[in-house]
Structure formats: C-alpha cells, structure tokens
Amino acid sequence: MLRRYERRLLEEIERRLSAEDPDFAEKMTHVRPLVRFVAWLSIRKALGVVAAVLAVFCLLLGAGAGFLVASLLAAVLLVFADWKIQAE
C-alpha cells in the first residue's frame, strides 16, 4: 500500500496527464475485455473453465457420471483458484 504522500503525487500526475493529453489518458484507463480476462486467468482458473466446458459436453452426450465428475472438478478448481499453498 502506498503512503498518503505517494498517493497524492500519483493523483496529481494523473490530473496533469488528463489535462495535457486526454486521448492518452483515456487509452491508459480503458482496458479491453480480452486483456482483462487474460489478467484474471490463472492456471487453476483455466483448468476450472476447461472442466466446466467438459461437464457441459458430458451433459449434452448424456453421460451423467462424467458430468458430475467434471462439474465437481470445475467447482473445486474455481472456488480454490486464489488459495496459496505454503510449505513450512
């Protein structure tokens, strides 16, 4: 976390930049949806999404057991995507 003084300096720089070059400031603050999705994505989240897609595929094919396994795997991977494992 930044100190108050540093935050005020960054806010002042942002105000000056917005006043001097509004087009550049807009480009810096606007993030495309694909870039935002890639930043959100991690290995566990990607595996969770793949497992969810496989679950839907199994459901469409009529394989109930495969659907249950894939959807449980997807749920576990997506729920625990941000957990960190630390060795002592």
PDB file of N, CA and C in Angstrom:
ATOM      1  N   MET A   1       0.836  -1.180   0.000  1.00  0.00           N
ATOM      2  CA  MET A   1       0.000   0.000   0.000  1.00  0.00           C
ATOM      3  C   MET A   1       0.880   1.241   0.000  1.00  0.00           C
ATOM      4  N   LEU A   2       0.475   2.220  -0.751  1.00  0.00           N
ATOM      5  CA  LEU A   2       1.239   3.459  -0.842  1.00  0.00           C
ATOM      6  C   LEU A   2       0.915   4.386   0.324  1.00  0.00           C
ATOM      7  N   ARG A   3       1.893   5.202   0.666  1.00  0.00           N
ATOM      8  CA  ARG A   3       1.654   6.208   1.695  1.00  0.00           C
ATOM      9  C   ARG A   3       0.796   7.332   1.131  1.00  0.00           C
ATOM     10  N   ARG A   4       0.217   8.114   2.014  1.00  0.00           N
ATOM     11  CA  ARG A   4      -0.664   9.210   1.568  1.00  0.00           C
ATOM     12  C   ARG A   4       0.053  10.176   0.636  1.00  0.00           C
ATOM     13  N   TYR A   5       1.287  10.497   0.981  1.00  0.00           N
ATOM     14  CA  TYR A   5       2.062  11.430   0.162  1.00  0.00           C
ATOM     15  C   TYR A   5       2.245  10.881  -1.254  1.00  0.00           C
ATOM     16  N   GLU A   6       2.573   9.605  -1.363  1.00  0.00           N
ATOM     17  CA  GLU A   6       2.766   8.993  -2.675  1.00  0.00           C
ATOM     18  C   GLU A   6       1.466   8.940  -3.465  1.00  0.00           C
ATOM     19  N   ARG A   7       0.356   8.646  -2.778  1.00  0.00           N
ATOM     20  CA  ARG A   7      -0.944   8.638  -3.464  1.00  0.00           C
ATOM     21  C   ARG A   7      -1.293  10.020  -3.994  1.00  0.00           C
ATOM     22  N   ARG A   8      -1.027  11.056  -3.185  1.00  0.00           N
ATOM     23  CA  ARG A   8      -1.307  12.420  -3.652  1.00  0.00           C
ATOM     24  C   ARG A   8      -0.453  12.770  -4.862  1.00  0.00           C
ATOM     25  N   LEU A   9       0.821  12.355  -4.852  1.00  0.00           N
ATOM     26  CA  LEU A   9       1.683  12.614  -6.009  1.00  0.00           C
ATOM     27  C   LEU A   9       1.154  11.917  -7.261  1.00  0.00           C
ATOM     28  N   LEU A  10       0.754  10.669  -7.114  1.00  0.00           N
ATOM     29  CA  LEU A  10       0.221   9.941  -8.275  1.00  0.00           C
ATOM     30  C   LEU A  10      -1.087  10.560  -8.771  1.00  0.00           C
ATOM     31  N   GLU A  11      -1.947  11.013  -7.871  1.00  0.00           N
ATOM     32  CA  GLU A  11      -3.188  11.666  -8.283  1.00  0.00           C
ATOM     33  C   GLU A  11      -2.902  12.964  -9.019  1.00  0.00           C
ATOM     34  N   GLU A  12      -1.897  13.698  -8.561  1.00  0.00           N
ATOM     35  CA  GLU A  12      -1.527  14.949  -9.233  1.00  0.00           C
ATOM     36  C   GLU A  12      -0.973  14.658 -10.637  1.00  0.00           C
ATOM     37  N   ILE A  13      -0.149  13.643 -10.764  1.00  0.00           N
ATOM     38  CA  ILE A  13       0.380  13.259 -12.077  1.00  0.00           C
ATOM     39  C   ILE A  13      -0.770  12.852 -12.997  1.00  0.00           C
ATOM     40  N   GLU A  14      -1.729  12.113 -12.459  1.00  0.00           N
ATOM     41  CA  GLU A  14      -2.876  11.690 -13.264  1.00  0.00           C
ATOM     42  C   GLU A  14      -3.711  12.888 -13.716  1.00  0.00           C
ATOM     43  N   ARG A  15      -3.921  13.838 -12.837  1.00  0.00           N
ATOM     44  CA  ARG A  15      -4.681  15.049 -13.225  1.00  0.00           C
ATOM     45  C   ARG A  15      -3.962  15.826 -14.316  1.00  0.00           C
ATOM     46  N   ARG A  16      -2.637  15.983 -14.170  1.00  0.00           N
ATOM     47  CA  ARG A  16      -1.873  16.716 -15.191  1.00  0.00           C
ATOM     48  C   ARG A  16      -1.919  15.994 -16.536  1.00  0.00           C
ATOM     49  N   LEU A  17      -1.758  14.685 -16.482  1.00  0.00           N
ATOM     50  CA  LEU A  17      -1.791  13.897 -17.712  1.00  0.00           C
ATOM     51  C   LEU A  17      -3.145  14.009 -18.394  1.00  0.00           C
ATOM     52  N   SER A  18      -4.221  13.940 -17.620  1.00  0.00           N
ATOM     53  CA  SER A  18      -5.562  14.064 -18.192  1.00  0.00           C
ATOM     54  C   SER A  18      -5.775  15.438 -18.807  1.00  0.00           C
ATOM     55  N   ALA A  19      -5.209  16.472 -18.197  1.00  0.00           N
ATOM     56  CA  ALA A  19      -5.368  17.824 -18.726  1.00  0.00           C
ATOM     57  C   ALA A  19      -4.521  18.034 -19.977  1.00  0.00           C
ATOM     58  N   GLU A  20      -3.295  17.505 -19.989  1.00  0.00           N
ATOM     59  CA  GLU A  20      -2.385  17.742 -21.106  1.00  0.00           C
ATOM     60  C   GLU A  20      -2.676  16.859 -22.322  1.00  0.00           C
ATOM     61  N   ASP A  21      -2.986  15.592 -22.087  1.00  0.00           N
ATOM     62  CA  ASP A  21      -3.211  14.660 -23.197  1.00  0.00           C
ATOM     63  C   ASP A  21      -4.383  13.738 -22.865  1.00  0.00           C
ATOM     64  N   PRO A  22      -5.610  14.209 -23.072  1.00  0.00           N
ATOM     65  CA  PRO A  22      -6.775  13.406 -22.689  1.00  0.00           C
ATOM     66  C   PRO A  22      -6.903  12.101 -23.471  1.00  0.00           C
ATOM     67  N   ASP A  23      -6.466  12.070 -24.725  1.00  0.00           N
ATOM     68  CA  ASP A  23      -6.552  10.834 -25.516  1.00  0.00           C
ATOM     69  C   ASP A  23      -5.664   9.735 -24.929  1.00  0.00           C
ATOM     70  N   PHE A  24      -4.435  10.108 -24.576  1.00  0.00           N
ATOM     71  CA  PHE A  24      -3.514   9.140 -23.977  1.00  0.00           C
ATOM     72  C   PHE A  24      -4.032   8.668 -22.621  1.00  0.00           C
ATOM     73  N   ALA A  25      -4.560   9.603 -21.827  1.00  0.00           N
ATOM     74  CA  ALA A  25      -5.102   9.239 -20.516  1.00  0.00           C
ATOM     75  C   ALA A  25      -6.268   8.271 -20.663  1.00  0.00           C
ATOM     76  N   GLU A  26      -7.102   8.448 -21.670  1.00  0.00           N
ATOM     77  CA  GLU A  26      -8.225   7.545 -21.910  1.00  0.00           C
ATOM     78  C   GLU A  26      -7.727   6.153 -22.299  1.00  0.00           C
ATOM     79  N   LYS A  27      -6.689   6.109 -23.143  1.00  0.00           N
ATOM     80  CA  LYS A  27      -6.125   4.819 -23.535  1.00  0.00           C
ATOM     81  C   LYS A  27      -5.531   4.082 -22.340  1.00  0.00           C
ATOM     82  N   MET A  28      -4.949   4.819 -21.408  1.00  0.00           N
ATOM     83  CA  MET A  28      -4.329   4.190 -20.250  1.00  0.00           C
ATOM     84  C   MET A  28      -5.363   3.693 -19.239  1.00  0.00           C
ATOM     85  N   THR A  29      -6.516   4.329 -19.166  1.00  0.00           N
ATOM     86  CA  THR A  29      -7.527   3.918 -18.183  1.00  0.00           C
ATOM     87  C   THR A  29      -8.503   2.911 -18.755  1.00  0.00           C
ATOM     88  N   HIS A  30      -8.669   2.855 -20.057  1.00  0.00           N
ATOM     89  CA  HIS A  30      -9.614   1.922 -20.673  1.00  0.00           C
ATOM     90  C   HIS A  30      -8.906   0.606 -20.954  1.00  0.00           C
ATOM     91  N   VAL A  31      -9.431  -0.486 -20.398  1.00  0.00           N
ATOM     92  CA  VAL A  31      -8.847  -1.805 -20.591  1.00  0.00           C
ATOM     93  C   VAL A  31      -9.808  -2.643 -21.426  1.00  0.00           C
ATOM     94  N   ARG A  32      -9.278  -3.253 -22.478  1.00  0.00           N
ATOM     95  CA  ARG A  32     -10.113  -4.099 -23.330  1.00  0.00           C
ATOM     96  C   ARG A  32     -10.552  -5.348 -22.568  1.00  0.00           C
ATOM     97  N   PRO A  33     -11.734  -5.869 -22.877  1.00  0.00           N
ATOM     98  CA  PRO A  33     -12.238  -7.045 -22.157  1.00  0.00           C
ATOM     99  C   PRO A  33     -11.329  -8.269 -22.267  1.00  0.00           C
ATOM    100  N   LEU A  34     -10.714  -8.493 -23.414  1.00  0.00           N
ATOM    101  CA  LEU A  34      -9.830  -9.644 -23.575  1.00  0.00           C
ATOM    102  C   LEU A  34      -8.604  -9.516 -22.674  1.00  0.00           C
ATOM    103  N   VAL A  35      -8.043  -8.320 -22.587  1.00  0.00           N
ATOM    104  CA  VAL A  35      -6.877  -8.096 -21.724  1.00  0.00           C
ATOM    105  C   VAL A  35      -7.268  -8.303 -20.264  1.00  0.00           C
ATOM    106  N   ARG A  36      -8.445  -7.829 -19.883  1.00  0.00           N
ATOM    107  CA  ARG A  36      -8.921  -8.002 -18.508  1.00  0.00           C
ATOM    108  C   ARG A  36      -9.122  -9.488 -18.201  1.00  0.00           C
ATOM    109  N   PHE A  37      -9.659 -10.259 -19.162  1.00  0.00           N
ATOM    110  CA  PHE A  37      -9.876 -11.688 -18.959  1.00  0.00           C
ATOM    111  C   PHE A  37      -8.547 -12.420 -18.804  1.00  0.00           C
ATOM    112  N   VAL A  38      -7.561 -12.092 -19.627  1.00  0.00           N
ATOM    113  CA  VAL A  38      -6.252 -12.747 -19.547  1.00  0.00           C
ATOM    114  C   VAL A  38      -5.574 -12.413 -18.220  1.00  0.00           C
ATOM    115  N   ALA A  39      -5.737 -11.188 -17.726  1.00  0.00           N
ATOM    116  CA  ALA A  39      -5.157 -10.816 -16.436  1.00  0.00           C
ATOM    117  C   ALA A  39      -5.829 -11.585 -15.307  1.00  0.00           C
ATOM    118  N   TRP A  40      -7.128 -11.875 -15.423  1.00  0.00           N
ATOM    119  CA  TRP A  40      -7.870 -12.601 -14.399  1.00  0.00           C
ATOM    120  C   TRP A  40      -7.503 -14.082 -14.406  1.00  0.00           C
ATOM    121  N   LEU A  41      -7.148 -14.591 -15.572  1.00  0.00           N
ATOM    122  CA  LEU A  41      -6.949 -16.020 -15.767  1.00  0.00           C
ATOM    123  C   LEU A  41      -5.675 -16.508 -15.081  1.00  0.00           C
ATOM    124  N   SER A  42      -5.768 -17.629 -14.405  1.00  0.00           N
ATOM    125  CA  SER A  42      -4.605 -18.315 -13.852  1.00  0.00           C
ATOM    126  C   SER A  42      -4.701 -19.774 -14.295  1.00  0.00           C
ATOM    127  N   ILE A  43      -3.710 -20.566 -13.939  1.00  0.00           N
ATOM    128  CA  ILE A  43      -3.715 -21.973 -14.342  1.00  0.00           C
ATOM    129  C   ILE A  43      -4.926 -22.690 -13.745  1.00  0.00           C
ATOM    130  N   ARG A  44      -5.177 -22.471 -12.460  1.00  0.00           N
ATOM    131  CA  ARG A  44      -6.304 -23.148 -11.822  1.00  0.00           C
ATOM    132  C   ARG A  44      -7.632 -22.689 -12.404  1.00  0.00           C
ATOM    133  N   LYS A  45      -7.752 -21.399 -12.662  1.00  0.00           N
ATOM    134  CA  LYS A  45      -8.999 -20.890 -13.238  1.00  0.00           C
ATOM    135  C   LYS A  45      -9.198 -21.434 -14.645  1.00  0.00           C
ATOM    136  N   ALA A  46      -8.109 -21.520 -15.421  1.00  0.00           N
ATOM    137  CA  ALA A  46      -8.205 -22.069 -16.774  1.00  0.00           C
ATOM    138  C   ALA A  46      -8.619 -23.537 -16.732  1.00  0.00           C
ATOM    139  N   LEU A  47      -8.042 -24.298 -15.799  1.00  0.00           N
ATOM    140  CA  LEU A  47      -8.444 -25.701 -15.659  1.00  0.00           C
ATOM    141  C   LEU A  47      -9.901 -25.810 -15.217  1.00  0.00           C
ATOM    142  N   GLY A  48     -10.335 -24.895 -14.364  1.00  0.00           N
ATOM    143  CA  GLY A  48     -11.732 -24.886 -13.942  1.00  0.00           C
ATOM    144  C   GLY A  48     -12.675 -24.613 -15.091  1.00  0.00           C
ATOM    145  N   VAL A  49     -12.300 -23.685 -15.950  1.00  0.00           N
ATOM    146  CA  VAL A  49     -13.131 -23.376 -17.122  1.00  0.00           C
ATOM    147  C   VAL A  49     -13.166 -24.562 -18.077  1.00  0.00           C
ATOM    148  N   VAL A  50     -12.015 -25.208 -18.282  1.00  0.00           N
ATOM    149  CA  VAL A  50     -11.972 -26.387 -19.148  1.00  0.00           C
ATOM    150  C   VAL A  50     -12.832 -27.499 -18.570  1.00  0.00           C
ATOM    151  N   ALA A  51     -12.752 -27.707 -17.249  1.00  0.00           N
ATOM    152  CA  ALA A  51     -13.571 -28.743 -16.621  1.00  0.00           C
ATOM    153  C   ALA A  51     -15.058 -28.417 -16.738  1.00  0.00           C
ATOM    154  N   ALA A  52     -15.420 -27.133 -16.629  1.00  0.00           N
ATOM    155  CA  ALA A  52     -16.821 -26.746 -16.780  1.00  0.00           C
ATOM    156  C   ALA A  52     -17.309 -27.017 -18.203  1.00  0.00           C
ATOM    157  N   VAL A  53     -16.469 -26.717 -19.183  1.00  0.00           N
ATOM    158  CA  VAL A  53     -16.835 -26.991 -20.578  1.00  0.00           C
ATOM    159  C   VAL A  53     -16.990 -28.490 -20.800  1.00  0.00           C
ATOM    160  N   LEU A  54     -16.087 -29.280 -20.211  1.00  0.00           N
ATOM    161  CA  LEU A  54     -16.215 -30.741 -20.323  1.00  0.00           C
ATOM    162  C   LEU A  54     -17.483 -31.248 -19.651  1.00  0.00           C
ATOM    163  N   ALA A  55     -17.865 -30.629 -18.538  1.00  0.00           N
ATOM    164  CA  ALA A  55     -19.095 -31.025 -17.856  1.00  0.00           C
ATOM    165  C   ALA A  55     -20.310 -30.784 -18.744  1.00  0.00           C
ATOM    166  N   VAL A  56     -20.348 -29.644 -19.397  1.00  0.00           N
ATOM    167  CA  VAL A  56     -21.464 -29.351 -20.302  1.00  0.00           C
ATOM    168  C   VAL A  56     -21.451 -30.315 -21.481  1.00  0.00           C
ATOM    169  N   PHE A  57     -20.270 -30.632 -21.996  1.00  0.00           N
ATOM    170  CA  PHE A  57     -20.149 -31.582 -23.098  1.00  0.00           C
ATOM    171  C   PHE A  57     -20.662 -32.961 -22.686  1.00  0.00           C
ATOM    172  N   CYS A  58     -20.299 -33.406 -21.474  1.00  0.00           N
ATOM    173  CA  CYS A  58     -20.795 -34.697 -20.971  1.00  0.00           C
ATOM    174  C   CYS A  58     -22.305 -34.668 -20.796  1.00  0.00           C
ATOM    175  N   LEU A  59     -22.828 -33.548 -20.364  1.00  0.00           N
ATOM    176  CA  LEU A  59     -24.274 -33.431 -20.191  1.00  0.00           C
ATOM    177  C   LEU A  59     -24.982 -33.548 -21.539  1.00  0.00           C
ATOM    178  N   LEU A  60     -24.410 -32.927 -22.557  1.00  0.00           N
ATOM    179  CA  LEU A  60     -25.006 -32.991 -23.883  1.00  0.00           C
ATOM    180  C   LEU A  60     -24.948 -34.409 -24.462  1.00  0.00           C
ATOM    181  N   LEU A  61     -23.901 -35.150 -24.130  1.00  0.00           N
ATOM    182  CA  LEU A  61     -23.769 -36.517 -24.630  1.00  0.00           C
ATOM    183  C   LEU A  61     -24.576 -37.519 -23.809  1.00  0.00           C
ATOM    184  N   GLY A  62     -25.051 -37.082 -22.657  1.00  0.00           N
ATOM    185  CA  GLY A  62     -25.856 -37.967 -21.831  1.00  0.00           C
ATOM    186  C   GLY A  62     -25.054 -38.803 -20.860  1.00  0.00           C
ATOM    187  N   ALA A  63     -23.825 -38.459 -20.611  1.00  0.00           N
ATOM    188  CA  ALA A  63     -23.001 -39.192 -19.658  1.00  0.00           C
ATOM    189  C   ALA A  63     -23.119 -38.519 -18.300  1.00  0.00           C
ATOM    190  N   GLY A  64     -24.015 -39.026 -17.475  1.00  0.00           N
ATOM    191  CA  GLY A  64     -24.306 -38.402 -16.182  1.00  0.00           C
ATOM    192  C   GLY A  64     -23.139 -38.437 -15.218  1.00  0.00           C
ATOM    193  N   ALA A  65     -22.430 -39.565 -15.123  1.00  0.00           N
ATOM    194  CA  ALA A  65     -21.308 -39.676 -14.193  1.00  0.00           C
ATOM    195  C   ALA A  65     -20.168 -38.737 -14.599  1.00  0.00           C
ATOM    196  N   GLY A  66     -19.897 -38.672 -15.882  1.00  0.00           N
ATOM    197  CA  GLY A  66     -18.852 -37.758 -16.364  1.00  0.00           C
ATOM    198  C   GLY A  66     -19.209 -36.319 -16.086  1.00  0.00           C
ATOM    199  N   PHE A  67     -20.490 -35.994 -16.219  1.00  0.00           N
ATOM    200  CA  PHE A  67     -20.954 -34.642 -15.919  1.00  0.00           C
ATOM    201  C   PHE A  67     -20.714 -34.308 -14.452  1.00  0.00           C
ATOM    202  N   LEU A  68     -21.071 -35.234 -13.567  1.00  0.00           N
ATOM    203  CA  LEU A  68     -20.881 -34.977 -12.135  1.00  0.00           C
ATOM    204  C   LEU A  68     -19.415 -34.804 -11.779  1.00  0.00           C
ATOM    205  N   VAL A  69     -18.566 -35.653 -12.299  1.00  0.00           N
ATOM    206  CA  VAL A  69     -17.132 -35.564 -12.003  1.00  0.00           C
ATOM    207  C   VAL A  69     -16.543 -34.264 -12.546  1.00  0.00           C
ATOM    208  N   ALA A  70     -16.858 -33.937 -13.787  1.00  0.00           N
ATOM    209  CA  ALA A  70     -16.302 -32.727 -14.396  1.00  0.00           C
ATOM    210  C   ALA A  70     -16.830 -31.470 -13.713  1.00  0.00           C
ATOM    211  N   SER A  71     -18.106 -31.453 -13.341  1.00  0.00           N
ATOM    212  CA  SER A  71     -18.632 -30.255 -12.696  1.00  0.00           C
ATOM    213  C   SER A  71     -18.091 -30.109 -11.280  1.00  0.00           C
ATOM    214  N   LEU A  72     -17.878 -31.207 -10.556  1.00  0.00           N
ATOM    215  CA  LEU A  72     -17.243 -31.109  -9.238  1.00  0.00           C
ATOM    216  C   LEU A  72     -15.808 -30.617  -9.354  1.00  0.00           C
ATOM    217  N   LEU A  73     -15.083 -31.128 -10.337  1.00  0.00           N
ATOM    218  CA  LEU A  73     -13.708 -30.674 -10.558  1.00  0.00           C
ATOM    219  C   LEU A  73     -13.683 -29.185 -10.899  1.00  0.00           C
ATOM    220  N   ALA A  74     -14.593 -28.754 -11.767  1.00  0.00           N
ATOM    221  CA  ALA A  74     -14.653 -27.338 -12.139  1.00  0.00           C
ATOM    222  C   ALA A  74     -14.970 -26.485 -10.918  1.00  0.00           C
ATOM    223  N   ALA A  75     -15.918 -26.919 -10.103  1.00  0.00           N
ATOM    224  CA  ALA A  75     -16.284 -26.151  -8.915  1.00  0.00           C
ATOM    225  C   ALA A  75     -15.113 -26.037  -7.950  1.00  0.00           C
ATOM    226  N   VAL A  76     -14.424 -27.137  -7.713  1.00  0.00           N
ATOM    227  CA  VAL A  76     -13.281 -27.109  -6.791  1.00  0.00           C
ATOM    228  C   VAL A  76     -12.178 -26.210  -7.322  1.00  0.00           C
ATOM    229  N   LEU A  77     -11.867 -26.324  -8.596  1.00  0.00           N
ATOM    230  CA  LEU A  77     -10.795 -25.503  -9.171  1.00  0.00           C
ATOM    231  C   LEU A  77     -11.143 -24.022  -9.151  1.00  0.00           C
ATOM    232  N   LEU A  78     -12.385 -23.674  -9.445  1.00  0.00           N
ATOM    233  CA  LEU A  78     -12.759 -22.265  -9.479  1.00  0.00           C
ATOM    234  C   LEU A  78     -12.914 -21.677  -8.072  1.00  0.00           C
ATOM    235  N   VAL A  79     -13.396 -22.457  -7.137  1.00  0.00           N
ATOM    236  CA  VAL A  79     -13.560 -21.944  -5.771  1.00  0.00           C
ATOM    237  C   VAL A  79     -12.204 -21.736  -5.107  1.00  0.00           C
ATOM    238  N   PHE A  80     -11.289 -22.672  -5.301  1.00  0.00           N
ATOM    239  CA  PHE A  80      -9.987 -22.584  -4.650  1.00  0.00           C
ATOM    240  C   PHE A  80      -8.914 -21.987  -5.552  1.00  0.00           C
ATOM    241  N   ALA A  81      -9.284 -21.230  -6.544  1.00  0.00           N
ATOM    242  CA  ALA A  81      -8.318 -20.689  -7.512  1.00  0.00           C
ATOM    243  C   ALA A  81      -7.347 -19.705  -6.882  1.00  0.00           C
ATOM    244  N   ASP A  82      -7.762 -18.981  -5.857  1.00  0.00           N
ATOM    245  CA  ASP A  82      -6.896 -17.962  -5.266  1.00  0.00           C
ATOM    246  C   ASP A  82      -6.172 -18.435  -4.014  1.00  0.00           C
ATOM    247  N   TRP A  83      -6.342 -19.667  -3.622  1.00  0.00           N
ATOM    248  CA  TRP A  83      -5.667 -20.183  -2.432  1.00  0.00           C
ATOM    249  C   TRP A  83      -4.196 -20.419  -2.735  1.00  0.00           C
ATOM    250  N   LYS A  84      -3.362 -20.106  -1.765  1.00  0.00           N
ATOM    251  CA  LYS A  84      -1.930 -20.318  -1.888  1.00  0.00           C
ATOM    252  C   LYS A  84      -1.522 -21.479  -0.984  1.00  0.00           C
ATOM    253  N   ILE A  85      -0.672 -22.352  -1.475  1.00  0.00           N
ATOM    254  CA  ILE A  85      -0.156 -23.465  -0.684  1.00  0.00           C
ATOM    255  C   ILE A  85       1.262 -23.107  -0.276  1.00  0.00           C
ATOM    256  N   GLN A  86       1.505 -23.114   1.050  1.00  0.00           N
ATOM    257  CA  GLN A  86       2.823 -22.736   1.544  1.00  0.00           C
ATOM    258  C   GLN A  86       3.449 -23.925   2.260  1.00  0.00           C
ATOM    259  N   ALA A  87       4.699 -24.195   1.942  1.00  0.00           N
ATOM    260  CA  ALA A  87       5.434 -25.259   2.623  1.00  0.00           C
ATOM    261  C   ALA A  87       6.101 -24.666   3.851  1.00  0.00           C
ATOM    262  N   GLU A  88       6.107 -25.430   4.918  1.00  0.00           N
ATOM    263  CA  GLU A  88       6.723 -24.937   6.154  1.00  0.00           C
ATOM    264  C   GLU A  88       8.163 -25.326   6.222  1.00  0.00           C
TER     265      GLU A  88
END
